[in-house]
């Protein structure tokens, strides 16, 4: 089983929203993603999807978007992004998801020797305009990350690999410590993937924290091709 990751699909089949306002590279991006996915991913592989999956506002509409994802090869693991307003309670979501599609929230899932955990995250205190409401969300997301990493640890053994999904990057552009990076250091996942950032050169993105490989997997940064994670 191989593990791939790609974030920020920004699908809009039920409520069209052209992504080309963010640059011409987004023209036809769903077709580009699904074509590359079909060519690279096998039925036994795992695909991690850390947030901003659909522009829909209701679960029923998001499921139309997610049906295109469900038709792709592999098992898919979803995480909520800041634009996934359609995301309901986790129990309702899991009951509605198609086969081979899973969601992580305050917990962790094991697939063979791979454990997947994570949370959305939030902007960090170094961000311009960070205010009291941001502080509350930041603290809540840090607690959710702690719960998820604890759950992953309970599922782990000497033969497993833990991959942490975040939607937001775990730190600021200045790469300063945060509550999220503190937890990464404490629990030592094997790899971290995150999205949210667009138009960022990979060489300028966070690529490791405390020696842990850390990958920006926003779809446009990856040129709309799922990234294969090298798990030792």
C-alpha atoms as a PDB file:
ATOM      1  CA  UNK A   1       0.000   0.000   0.000  1.00  0.00           C
ATOM      2  CA  UNK A   2       1.360   3.391  -1.022  1.00  0.00           C
ATOM      3  CA  UNK A   3       0.274   6.662   0.563  1.00  0.00           C
ATOM      4  CA  UNK A   4      -0.492   9.813  -1.445  1.00  0.00           C
ATOM      5  CA  UNK A   5      -1.656  13.257  -0.329  1.00  0.00           C
ATOM      6  CA  UNK A   6      -3.322  16.222  -2.023  1.00  0.00           C
ATOM      7  CA  UNK A   7      -5.274  19.092  -0.426  1.00  0.00           C
ATOM      8  CA  UNK A   8      -7.482  21.917  -1.634  1.00  0.00           C
ATOM      9  CA  UNK A   9      -9.464  20.152  -4.358  1.00  0.00           C
ATOM     10  CA  UNK A  10     -12.003  23.023  -4.221  1.00  0.00           C
ATOM     11  CA  UNK A  11     -14.642  21.078  -6.143  1.00  0.00           C
ATOM     12  CA  UNK A  12     -17.794  22.901  -7.223  1.00  0.00           C
ATOM     13  CA  UNK A  13     -19.965  20.635  -9.354  1.00  0.00           C
ATOM     14  CA  UNK A  14     -23.239  21.726  -7.723  1.00  0.00           C
ATOM     15  CA  UNK A  15     -22.397  25.400  -7.225  1.00  0.00           C
ATOM     16  CA  UNK A  16     -19.824  26.361  -9.877  1.00  0.00           C
ATOM     17  CA  UNK A  17     -17.134  28.672  -8.567  1.00  0.00           C
ATOM     18  CA  UNK A  18     -14.294  29.311 -11.024  1.00  0.00           C
ATOM     19  CA  UNK A  19     -10.908  28.983  -9.344  1.00  0.00           C
ATOM     20  CA  UNK A  20      -9.238  30.882 -12.165  1.00  0.00           C
ATOM     21  CA  UNK A  21      -9.723  34.046 -10.093  1.00  0.00           C
ATOM     22  CA  UNK A  22      -6.707  32.700  -8.195  1.00  0.00           C
ATOM     23  CA  UNK A  23      -4.665  32.294 -11.351  1.00  0.00           C
ATOM     24  CA  UNK A  24      -4.860  30.723 -14.823  1.00  0.00           C
ATOM     25  CA  UNK A  25      -3.186  27.551 -13.547  1.00  0.00           C
ATOM     26  CA  UNK A  26      -6.523  26.585 -11.992  1.00  0.00           C
ATOM     27  CA  UNK A  27      -8.279  26.253 -15.360  1.00  0.00           C
ATOM     28  CA  UNK A  28      -9.763  22.741 -15.594  1.00  0.00           C
ATOM     29  CA  UNK A  29      -8.199  21.765 -12.286  1.00  0.00           C
ATOM     30  CA  UNK A  30     -10.653  18.976 -11.300  1.00  0.00           C
ATOM     31  CA  UNK A  31     -10.002  17.145 -14.562  1.00  0.00           C
ATOM     32  CA  UNK A  32      -6.248  17.572 -14.097  1.00  0.00           C
ATOM     33  CA  UNK A  33      -6.421  16.185 -10.554  1.00  0.00           C
ATOM     34  CA  UNK A  34      -8.563  13.195 -11.462  1.00  0.00           C
ATOM     35  CA  UNK A  35      -6.532  12.354 -14.563  1.00  0.00           C
ATOM     36  CA  UNK A  36      -3.283  12.314 -12.582  1.00  0.00           C
ATOM     37  CA  UNK A  37      -4.977  10.418  -9.741  1.00  0.00           C
ATOM     38  CA  UNK A  38      -6.241   7.694 -12.076  1.00  0.00           C
ATOM     39  CA  UNK A  39      -2.784   7.299 -13.614  1.00  0.00           C
ATOM     40  CA  UNK A  40      -0.816   7.162 -10.351  1.00  0.00           C
ATOM     41  CA  UNK A  41      -3.000   5.661  -7.619  1.00  0.00           C
ATOM     42  CA  UNK A  42      -3.898   1.983  -7.349  1.00  0.00           C
ATOM     43  CA  UNK A  43      -6.967   0.415  -5.718  1.00  0.00           C
ATOM     44  CA  UNK A  44      -4.996  -0.674  -2.642  1.00  0.00           C
ATOM     45  CA  UNK A  45      -3.369   2.719  -2.086  1.00  0.00           C
ATOM     46  CA  UNK A  46      -4.310   5.387   0.467  1.00  0.00           C
ATOM     47  CA  UNK A  47      -4.999   9.026  -0.484  1.00  0.00           C
ATOM     48  CA  UNK A  48      -4.983  11.706   2.215  1.00  0.00           C
ATOM     49  CA  UNK A  49      -7.145  14.784   1.567  1.00  0.00           C
ATOM     50  CA  UNK A  50      -6.347  17.477   4.153  1.00  0.00           C
ATOM     51  CA  UNK A  51      -9.140  19.949   3.648  1.00  0.00           C
ATOM     52  CA  UNK A  52     -10.939  22.408   1.384  1.00  0.00           C
ATOM     53  CA  UNK A  53     -12.542  19.625  -0.600  1.00  0.00           C
ATOM     54  CA  UNK A  54     -15.799  21.243  -1.746  1.00  0.00           C
ATOM     55  CA  UNK A  55     -17.241  24.746  -2.030  1.00  0.00           C
ATOM     56  CA  UNK A  56     -20.686  23.371  -1.123  1.00  0.00           C
ATOM     57  CA  UNK A  57     -22.567  24.773   1.853  1.00  0.00           C
ATOM     58  CA  UNK A  58     -24.671  21.650   2.558  1.00  0.00           C
ATOM     59  CA  UNK A  59     -23.631  18.027   3.004  1.00  0.00           C
ATOM     60  CA  UNK A  60     -26.062  16.905   0.305  1.00  0.00           C
ATOM     61  CA  UNK A  61     -24.334  19.126  -2.254  1.00  0.00           C
ATOM     62  CA  UNK A  62     -20.858  18.220  -1.023  1.00  0.00           C
ATOM     63  CA  UNK A  63     -21.671  14.541  -1.538  1.00  0.00           C
ATOM     64  CA  UNK A  64     -22.141  15.274  -5.234  1.00  0.00           C
ATOM     65  CA  UNK A  65     -18.619  16.688  -5.314  1.00  0.00           C
ATOM     66  CA  UNK A  66     -17.280  13.837  -3.194  1.00  0.00           C
ATOM     67  CA  UNK A  67     -18.841  11.270  -5.520  1.00  0.00           C
ATOM     68  CA  UNK A  68     -16.202  12.243  -8.089  1.00  0.00           C
ATOM     69  CA  UNK A  69     -13.522  11.596  -5.487  1.00  0.00           C
ATOM     70  CA  UNK A  70     -15.136   8.312  -4.479  1.00  0.00           C
ATOM     71  CA  UNK A  71     -14.948   7.120  -8.088  1.00  0.00           C
ATOM     72  CA  UNK A  72     -11.145   7.396  -8.012  1.00  0.00           C
ATOM     73  CA  UNK A  73      -8.898   4.467  -7.049  1.00  0.00           C
ATOM     74  CA  UNK A  74      -7.789   3.912  -3.477  1.00  0.00           C
ATOM     75  CA  UNK A  75      -9.052   4.529   0.026  1.00  0.00           C
ATOM     76  CA  UNK A  76      -9.581   8.219   0.784  1.00  0.00           C
ATOM     77  CA  UNK A  77      -9.172   9.930   4.159  1.00  0.00           C
ATOM     78  CA  UNK A  78     -10.816  13.347   4.562  1.00  0.00           C
ATOM     79  CA  UNK A  79      -9.979  16.221   6.887  1.00  0.00           C
ATOM     80  CA  UNK A  80     -11.948  19.424   7.311  1.00  0.00           C
ATOM     81  CA  UNK A  81     -10.570  22.651   5.832  1.00  0.00           C
ATOM     82  CA  UNK A  82     -11.544  26.243   6.543  1.00  0.00           C
ATOM     83  CA  UNK A  83     -13.833  26.343   3.482  1.00  0.00           C
ATOM     84  CA  UNK A  84     -15.589  23.026   4.157  1.00  0.00           C
ATOM     85  CA  UNK A  85     -18.705  24.689   5.571  1.00  0.00           C
ATOM     86  CA  UNK A  86     -20.764  21.649   4.604  1.00  0.00           C
ATOM     87  CA  UNK A  87     -18.965  19.420   7.132  1.00  0.00           C
ATOM     88  CA  UNK A  88     -21.581  18.170   9.665  1.00  0.00           C
ATOM     89  CA  UNK A  89     -21.091  16.162  12.866  1.00  0.00           C
ATOM     90  CA  UNK A  90     -18.562  13.401  12.361  1.00  0.00           C
ATOM     91  CA  UNK A  91     -21.145  10.672  12.985  1.00  0.00           C
ATOM     92  CA  UNK A  92     -23.463  12.088  10.326  1.00  0.00           C
ATOM     93  CA  UNK A  93     -20.617  12.493   7.881  1.00  0.00           C
ATOM     94  CA  UNK A  94     -19.292   8.975   8.344  1.00  0.00           C
ATOM     95  CA  UNK A  95     -22.777   7.553   7.873  1.00  0.00           C
ATOM     96  CA  UNK A  96     -23.133   9.423   4.571  1.00  0.00           C
ATOM     97  CA  UNK A  97     -19.715   8.816   3.019  1.00  0.00           C
ATOM     98  CA  UNK A  98     -19.390   6.387   0.105  1.00  0.00           C
ATOM     99  CA  UNK A  99     -17.426   3.150   0.396  1.00  0.00           C
ATOM    100  CA  UNK A 100     -13.654   3.475   0.870  1.00  0.00           C
ATOM    101  CA  UNK A 101     -14.018   7.066   2.073  1.00  0.00           C
ATOM    102  CA  UNK A 102     -13.188   7.947   5.684  1.00  0.00           C
ATOM    103  CA  UNK A 103     -12.982  11.069   7.842  1.00  0.00           C
ATOM    104  CA  UNK A 104     -10.712  12.025  10.748  1.00  0.00           C
ATOM    105  CA  UNK A 105     -11.862  14.281  13.586  1.00  0.00           C
ATOM    106  CA  UNK A 106     -10.491  14.162  17.147  1.00  0.00           C
ATOM    107  CA  UNK A 107      -9.327  10.607  16.530  1.00  0.00           C
ATOM    108  CA  UNK A 108      -7.107   8.434  14.350  1.00  0.00           C
ATOM    109  CA  UNK A 109      -7.604   5.651  11.821  1.00  0.00           C
ATOM    110  CA  UNK A 110      -5.357   2.705  11.000  1.00  0.00           C
ATOM    111  CA  UNK A 111      -4.973   1.238   7.528  1.00  0.00           C
ATOM    112  CA  UNK A 112      -2.594  -1.717   7.572  1.00  0.00           C
ATOM    113  CA  UNK A 113       0.658  -0.346   8.980  1.00  0.00           C
ATOM    114  CA  UNK A 114      -0.307   3.313   8.397  1.00  0.00           C
ATOM    115  CA  UNK A 115      -2.034   5.445  11.039  1.00  0.00           C
ATOM    116  CA  UNK A 116      -3.686   8.707   9.981  1.00  0.00           C
ATOM    117  CA  UNK A 117      -4.579  11.473  12.421  1.00  0.00           C
ATOM    118  CA  UNK A 118      -5.029  15.230  12.322  1.00  0.00           C
ATOM    119  CA  UNK A 119      -7.108  18.357  12.681  1.00  0.00           C
ATOM    120  CA  UNK A 120      -7.834  21.504  10.684  1.00  0.00           C
ATOM    121  CA  UNK A 121      -5.493  23.810  12.608  1.00  0.00           C
ATOM    122  CA  UNK A 122      -5.754  27.593  12.478  1.00  0.00           C
ATOM    123  CA  UNK A 123      -3.735  30.738  11.924  1.00  0.00           C
ATOM    124  CA  UNK A 124      -1.045  31.145  14.568  1.00  0.00           C
ATOM    125  CA  UNK A 125      -0.497  34.043  17.010  1.00  0.00           C
ATOM    126  CA  UNK A 126       2.155  35.575  14.749  1.00  0.00           C
ATOM    127  CA  UNK A 127      -0.422  36.224  12.010  1.00  0.00           C
ATOM    128  CA  UNK A 128      -1.390  39.814  11.319  1.00  0.00           C
ATOM    129  CA  UNK A 129      -4.739  40.630  12.881  1.00  0.00           C
ATOM    130  CA  UNK A 130      -4.750  37.599  15.207  1.00  0.00           C
ATOM    131  CA  UNK A 131      -7.476  38.450  17.711  1.00  0.00           C
ATOM    132  CA  UNK A 132      -9.414  37.053  20.677  1.00  0.00           C
ATOM    133  CA  UNK A 133     -11.695  34.891  18.529  1.00  0.00           C
ATOM    134  CA  UNK A 134      -8.674  33.481  16.700  1.00  0.00           C
ATOM    135  CA  UNK A 135      -7.091  32.729  20.067  1.00  0.00           C
ATOM    136  CA  UNK A 136     -10.114  30.636  21.079  1.00  0.00           C
ATOM    137  CA  UNK A 137     -10.102  28.663  17.816  1.00  0.00           C
ATOM    138  CA  UNK A 138      -6.317  28.210  17.978  1.00  0.00           C
ATOM    139  CA  UNK A 139      -6.557  26.739  21.493  1.00  0.00           C
ATOM    140  CA  UNK A 140      -9.456  24.493  20.487  1.00  0.00           C
ATOM    141  CA  UNK A 141      -7.619  23.183  17.442  1.00  0.00           C
ATOM    142  CA  UNK A 142      -4.505  22.519  19.518  1.00  0.00           C
ATOM    143  CA  UNK A 143      -6.607  20.419  21.885  1.00  0.00           C
ATOM    144  CA  UNK A 144      -8.142  18.556  18.958  1.00  0.00           C
ATOM    145  CA  UNK A 145      -4.663  17.862  17.631  1.00  0.00           C
ATOM    146  CA  UNK A 146      -3.605  16.519  21.017  1.00  0.00           C
ATOM    147  CA  UNK A 147      -6.620  14.189  21.116  1.00  0.00           C
ATOM    148  CA  UNK A 148      -5.910  12.934  17.620  1.00  0.00           C
ATOM    149  CA  UNK A 149      -2.223  12.328  18.303  1.00  0.00           C
ATOM    150  CA  UNK A 150      -3.099  10.509  21.515  1.00  0.00           C
ATOM    151  CA  UNK A 151      -5.485   8.280  19.587  1.00  0.00           C
ATOM    152  CA  UNK A 152      -2.776   7.597  17.004  1.00  0.00           C
ATOM    153  CA  UNK A 153      -0.320   6.603  19.707  1.00  0.00           C
ATOM    154  CA  UNK A 154      -2.796   4.065  21.095  1.00  0.00           C
ATOM    155  CA  UNK A 155      -3.063   2.457  17.653  1.00  0.00           C
ATOM    156  CA  UNK A 156       0.676   2.392  16.979  1.00  0.00           C
ATOM    157  CA  UNK A 157       3.222  -0.368  17.330  1.00  0.00           C
ATOM    158  CA  UNK A 158       6.870  -0.734  16.235  1.00  0.00           C
ATOM    159  CA  UNK A 159       5.776  -1.556  12.682  1.00  0.00           C
ATOM    160  CA  UNK A 160       3.414   1.360  12.032  1.00  0.00           C
ATOM    161  CA  UNK A 161       3.931   4.745  10.388  1.00  0.00           C
ATOM    162  CA  UNK A 162       1.906   7.736  11.622  1.00  0.00           C
ATOM    163  CA  UNK A 163       0.977  10.509   9.194  1.00  0.00           C
ATOM    164  CA  UNK A 164      -0.414  13.728  10.626  1.00  0.00           C
ATOM    165  CA  UNK A 165      -2.779  15.755   8.455  1.00  0.00           C
ATOM    166  CA  UNK A 166      -3.346  19.470   9.000  1.00  0.00           C
ATOM    167  CA  UNK A 167      -5.160  21.885   6.745  1.00  0.00           C
ATOM    168  CA  UNK A 168      -3.346  24.997   7.911  1.00  0.00           C
ATOM    169  CA  UNK A 169       0.440  24.905   8.168  1.00  0.00           C
ATOM    170  CA  UNK A 170       1.546  24.224  11.755  1.00  0.00           C
ATOM    171  CA  UNK A 171       3.566  27.433  12.007  1.00  0.00           C
ATOM    172  CA  UNK A 172       3.906  30.930  10.582  1.00  0.00           C
ATOM    173  CA  UNK A 173       5.930  31.932   7.510  1.00  0.00           C
ATOM    174  CA  UNK A 174       8.721  32.745   9.979  1.00  0.00           C
ATOM    175  CA  UNK A 175       8.720  29.095  11.155  1.00  0.00           C
ATOM    176  CA  UNK A 176       8.409  29.978  14.856  1.00  0.00           C
ATOM    177  CA  UNK A 177       7.256  27.418  17.461  1.00  0.00           C
ATOM    178  CA  UNK A 178       3.501  27.148  18.054  1.00  0.00           C
ATOM    179  CA  UNK A 179       1.143  24.945  20.039  1.00  0.00           C
ATOM    180  CA  UNK A 180       0.905  22.770  16.938  1.00  0.00           C
ATOM    181  CA  UNK A 181       4.664  22.354  16.489  1.00  0.00           C
ATOM    182  CA  UNK A 182       5.024  21.679  20.223  1.00  0.00           C
ATOM    183  CA  UNK A 183       2.629  18.735  19.856  1.00  0.00           C
ATOM    184  CA  UNK A 184       4.432  17.522  16.742  1.00  0.00           C
ATOM    185  CA  UNK A 185       7.669  17.478  18.732  1.00  0.00           C
ATOM    186  CA  UNK A 186       5.991  15.746  21.666  1.00  0.00           C
ATOM    187  CA  UNK A 187       4.256  12.963  19.730  1.00  0.00           C
ATOM    188  CA  UNK A 188       6.742  12.555  16.860  1.00  0.00           C
ATOM    189  CA  UNK A 189       4.546  11.515  13.905  1.00  0.00           C
ATOM    190  CA  UNK A 190       6.566  10.094  11.032  1.00  0.00           C
ATOM    191  CA  UNK A 191       5.321  12.626   8.475  1.00  0.00           C
ATOM    192  CA  UNK A 192       3.172  15.769   8.394  1.00  0.00           C
ATOM    193  CA  UNK A 193       1.109  16.979   5.429  1.00  0.00           C
ATOM    194  CA  UNK A 194      -0.726  20.300   5.161  1.00  0.00           C
ATOM    195  CA  UNK A 195      -2.452  22.475   2.557  1.00  0.00           C
ATOM    196  CA  UNK A 196      -4.169  25.877   2.547  1.00  0.00           C
ATOM    197  CA  UNK A 197      -1.278  27.854   1.067  1.00  0.00           C
ATOM    198  CA  UNK A 198      -1.547  28.720  -2.626  1.00  0.00           C
ATOM    199  CA  UNK A 199       1.020  30.104  -5.004  1.00  0.00           C
ATOM    200  CA  UNK A 200       3.845  29.199  -2.635  1.00  0.00           C
ATOM    201  CA  UNK A 201       7.092  27.817  -4.035  1.00  0.00           C
ATOM    202  CA  UNK A 202       7.837  24.421  -2.524  1.00  0.00           C
ATOM    203  CA  UNK A 203      11.394  25.439  -1.688  1.00  0.00           C
ATOM    204  CA  UNK A 204      10.021  28.257   0.498  1.00  0.00           C
ATOM    205  CA  UNK A 205       7.509  26.045   2.308  1.00  0.00           C
ATOM    206  CA  UNK A 206       7.997  24.281   5.635  1.00  0.00           C
ATOM    207  CA  UNK A 207       9.701  21.000   4.723  1.00  0.00           C
ATOM    208  CA  UNK A 208      10.602  19.640   8.147  1.00  0.00           C
ATOM    209  CA  UNK A 209      10.037  20.298  11.811  1.00  0.00           C
ATOM    210  CA  UNK A 210      12.370  18.822  14.422  1.00  0.00           C
ATOM    211  CA  UNK A 211      13.603  16.429  11.774  1.00  0.00           C
ATOM    212  CA  UNK A 212      10.078  15.262  10.848  1.00  0.00           C
ATOM    213  CA  UNK A 213       9.343  15.511   7.086  1.00  0.00           C
ATOM    214  CA  UNK A 214       6.621  18.105   6.523  1.00  0.00           C
ATOM    215  CA  UNK A 215       4.942  18.490   3.136  1.00  0.00           C
ATOM    216  CA  UNK A 216       2.867  21.260   1.572  1.00  0.00           C
ATOM    217  CA  UNK A 217       0.343  19.366  -0.575  1.00  0.00           C
ATOM    218  CA  UNK A 218      -2.010  22.114  -1.805  1.00  0.00           C
ATOM    219  CA  UNK A 219      -3.226  21.002  -5.236  1.00  0.00           C
ATOM    220  CA  UNK A 220      -1.889  23.952  -7.216  1.00  0.00           C
ATOM    221  CA  UNK A 221       1.532  23.716  -5.559  1.00  0.00           C
ATOM    222  CA  UNK A 222       1.657  20.045  -6.603  1.00  0.00           C
ATOM    223  CA  UNK A 223       0.593  20.980 -10.134  1.00  0.00           C
ATOM    224  CA  UNK A 224      -2.603  19.008  -9.418  1.00  0.00           C
ATOM    225  CA  UNK A 225      -0.851  15.656  -9.007  1.00  0.00           C
ATOM    226  CA  UNK A 226      -1.118  13.620  -5.753  1.00  0.00           C
ATOM    227  CA  UNK A 227       2.162  13.512  -3.863  1.00  0.00           C
ATOM    228  CA  UNK A 228       3.602  10.102  -3.031  1.00  0.00           C
ATOM    229  CA  UNK A 229       4.888   9.988   0.548  1.00  0.00           C
ATOM    230  CA  UNK A 230       8.072   8.027   1.134  1.00  0.00           C
ATOM    231  CA  UNK A 231       7.421   6.003   4.280  1.00  0.00           C
ATOM    232  CA  UNK A 232      10.429   4.083   5.549  1.00  0.00           C
END
